[in-house]
C-alpha atoms as a PDB file:
ATOM      1  CA  MET A   1     -14.162  -1.617  16.872  1.00  0.00           C
ATOM      2  CA  THR A   2     -14.362  -3.678  13.738  1.00  0.00           C
ATOM      3  CA  HIS A   3     -11.231  -3.594  11.649  1.00  0.00           C
ATOM      4  CA  LYS A   4     -11.337  -3.510   7.882  1.00  0.00           C
ATOM      5  CA  GLU A   5      -8.922  -5.827   6.194  1.00  0.00           C
ATOM      6  CA  PHE A   6      -6.602  -4.254   3.599  1.00  0.00           C
ATOM      7  CA  THR A   7      -6.538  -6.561   0.591  1.00  0.00           C
ATOM      8  CA  PHE A   8      -4.765  -6.685  -2.836  1.00  0.00           C
ATOM      9  CA  SER A   9      -7.926  -5.178  -4.289  1.00  0.00           C
ATOM     10  CA  ASP A  10      -7.603  -2.137  -2.014  1.00  0.00           C
ATOM     11  CA  LEU A  11      -3.939  -1.686  -2.983  1.00  0.00           C
ATOM     12  CA  LYS A  12      -4.681  -2.200  -6.689  1.00  0.00           C
ATOM     13  CA  GLU A  13      -7.420   0.489  -6.440  1.00  0.00           C
ATOM     14  CA  ILE A  14      -4.813   3.001  -5.109  1.00  0.00           C
ATOM     15  CA  LEU A  15      -2.263   2.012  -7.609  1.00  0.00           C
ATOM     16  CA  VAL A  16      -4.706   2.388 -10.562  1.00  0.00           C
ATOM     17  CA  ASN A  17      -6.809   5.384  -9.450  1.00  0.00           C
ATOM     18  CA  ARG A  18      -4.426   7.477  -7.500  1.00  0.00           C
ATOM     19  CA  ILE A  19      -0.959   6.613  -9.045  1.00  0.00           C
ATOM     20  CA  GLY A  20      -2.291   5.849 -12.532  1.00  0.00           C
ATOM     21  CA  ILE A  21      -0.725   2.460 -13.213  1.00  0.00           C
ATOM     22  CA  PRO A  22      -2.767   0.548 -15.965  1.00  0.00           C
ATOM     23  CA  GLU A  23      -4.964  -2.103 -14.348  1.00  0.00           C
ATOM     24  CA  SER A  24      -3.347  -4.760 -16.379  1.00  0.00           C
ATOM     25  CA  GLN A  25       0.123  -4.068 -14.897  1.00  0.00           C
ATOM     26  CA  VAL A  26      -1.061  -4.590 -11.286  1.00  0.00           C
ATOM     27  CA  ILE A  27      -0.475  -8.189 -10.702  1.00  0.00           C
ATOM     28  CA  ASP A  28      -1.521 -10.052  -7.515  1.00  0.00           C
ATOM     29  CA  ASP A  29       2.000 -11.213  -6.680  1.00  0.00           C
ATOM     30  CA  PRO A  30       3.069 -10.512  -3.023  1.00  0.00           C
ATOM     31  CA  GLY A  31       6.777 -10.596  -4.237  1.00  0.00           C
ATOM     32  CA  MET A  32       6.263  -7.919  -6.797  1.00  0.00           C
ATOM     33  CA  SER A  33       8.377  -4.864  -5.803  1.00  0.00           C
ATOM     34  CA  PHE A  34       7.170  -1.408  -6.386  1.00  0.00           C
ATOM     35  CA  GLU A  35      10.467  -0.715  -8.020  1.00  0.00           C
ATOM     36  CA  ASP A  36       9.736  -3.492 -10.554  1.00  0.00           C
ATOM     37  CA  MET A  37       6.414  -1.689 -11.226  1.00  0.00           C
ATOM     38  CA  GLY A  38       8.309   1.502 -12.124  1.00  0.00           C
ATOM     39  CA  LEU A  39       7.180   3.457  -9.057  1.00  0.00           C
ATOM     40  CA  ASP A  40       9.479   6.210  -7.932  1.00  0.00           C
ATOM     41  CA  SER A  41       9.710   7.695  -4.518  1.00  0.00           C
ATOM     42  CA  LEU A  42       6.947  10.250  -5.222  1.00  0.00           C
ATOM     43  CA  ALA A  43       4.482   7.507  -6.170  1.00  0.00           C
ATOM     44  CA  LEU A  44       5.406   5.698  -2.888  1.00  0.00           C
ATOM     45  CA  ILE A  45       4.549   8.841  -0.900  1.00  0.00           C
ATOM     46  CA  GLU A  46       1.254   9.134  -2.766  1.00  0.00           C
ATOM     47  CA  ILE A  47       0.414   5.538  -1.681  1.00  0.00           C
ATOM     48  CA  GLN A  48       1.466   6.283   1.868  1.00  0.00           C
ATOM     49  CA  LEU A  49      -0.705   9.346   2.003  1.00  0.00           C
ATOM     50  CA  GLU A  50      -3.737   7.501   0.664  1.00  0.00           C
ATOM     51  CA  VAL A  51      -3.514   4.720   3.074  1.00  0.00           C
ATOM     52  CA  GLN A  52      -3.066   7.139   5.995  1.00  0.00           C
ATOM     53  CA  GLN A  53      -6.192   9.009   4.755  1.00  0.00           C
ATOM     54  CA  GLN A  54      -8.323   5.937   4.190  1.00  0.00           C
ATOM     55  CA  TYR A  55      -7.433   3.894   7.252  1.00  0.00           C
ATOM     56  CA  GLY A  56      -6.735   6.662   9.937  1.00  0.00           C
ATOM     57  CA  PHE A  57      -3.163   5.991  10.995  1.00  0.00           C
ATOM     58  CA  SER A  58       0.234   7.473  10.302  1.00  0.00           C
ATOM     59  CA  ILE A  59       3.001   5.612   8.539  1.00  0.00           C
ATOM     60  CA  PRO A  60       6.337   6.765   9.770  1.00  0.00           C
ATOM     61  CA  ASP A  61       8.852   7.569   6.969  1.00  0.00           C
ATOM     62  CA  GLU A  62      11.326   4.936   8.483  1.00  0.00           C
ATOM     63  CA  ASP A  63       8.656   2.269   8.060  1.00  0.00           C
ATOM     64  CA  THR A  64       8.069   3.176   4.491  1.00  0.00           C
ATOM     65  CA  HIS A  65      11.738   2.433   3.614  1.00  0.00           C
ATOM     66  CA  HIS A  66      11.195  -1.168   4.567  1.00  0.00           C
ATOM     67  CA  ILE A  67       7.990  -1.688   2.518  1.00  0.00           C
ATOM     68  CA  THR A  68       9.127  -2.600  -0.905  1.00  0.00           C
ATOM     69  CA  THR A  69       6.731  -5.145  -2.161  1.00  0.00           C
ATOM     70  CA  ILE A  70       2.909  -5.637  -2.595  1.00  0.00           C
ATOM     71  CA  GLY A  71       3.004  -8.301   0.029  1.00  0.00           C
ATOM     72  CA  GLN A  72       4.805  -6.164   2.580  1.00  0.00           C
ATOM     73  CA  ALA A  73       2.453  -3.251   2.050  1.00  0.00           C
ATOM     74  CA  ILE A  74      -0.568  -5.418   2.669  1.00  0.00           C
ATOM     75  CA  GLU A  75       0.948  -7.084   5.686  1.00  0.00           C
ATOM     76  CA  TYR A  76       2.085  -3.859   7.259  1.00  0.00           C
ATOM     77  CA  THR A  77      -1.284  -2.110   6.695  1.00  0.00           C
ATOM     78  CA  ASN A  78      -3.288  -5.106   8.290  1.00  0.00           C
ATOM     79  CA  ARG A  79      -0.844  -5.173  11.224  1.00  0.00           C
ATOM     80  CA  ARG A  80      -1.399  -1.459  11.802  1.00  0.00           C
ATOM     81  CA  LEU A  81      -5.239  -1.922  11.507  1.00  0.00           C
ATOM     82  CA  ARG A  82      -5.150  -4.727  14.185  1.00  0.00           C
ATOM     83  CA  GLU A  83      -3.195  -2.465  16.462  1.00  0.00           C
ATOM     84  CA  GLN A  84      -6.013  -0.006  16.321  1.00  0.00           C
ATOM     85  CA  GLU A  85      -8.589  -2.385  17.685  1.00  0.00           C
END
């Protein structure tokens, strides 16, 4: 099975198209926290659901509590994609 890599562009698409953040506010900075972007817990659930739907794996709630930055989200998603191989 070929795994797709989850990139900043993929996350940006979710943040802009599903969450509604203006594209200019989504900066490619792995250390940028979702809190600094003004996202609340409902927005984080929306991101979680979108990733689960697009990439075909579930994200336990306990894992989402440890994903607080753009870099962590990308790293976590890619790790889970590799586990599916």
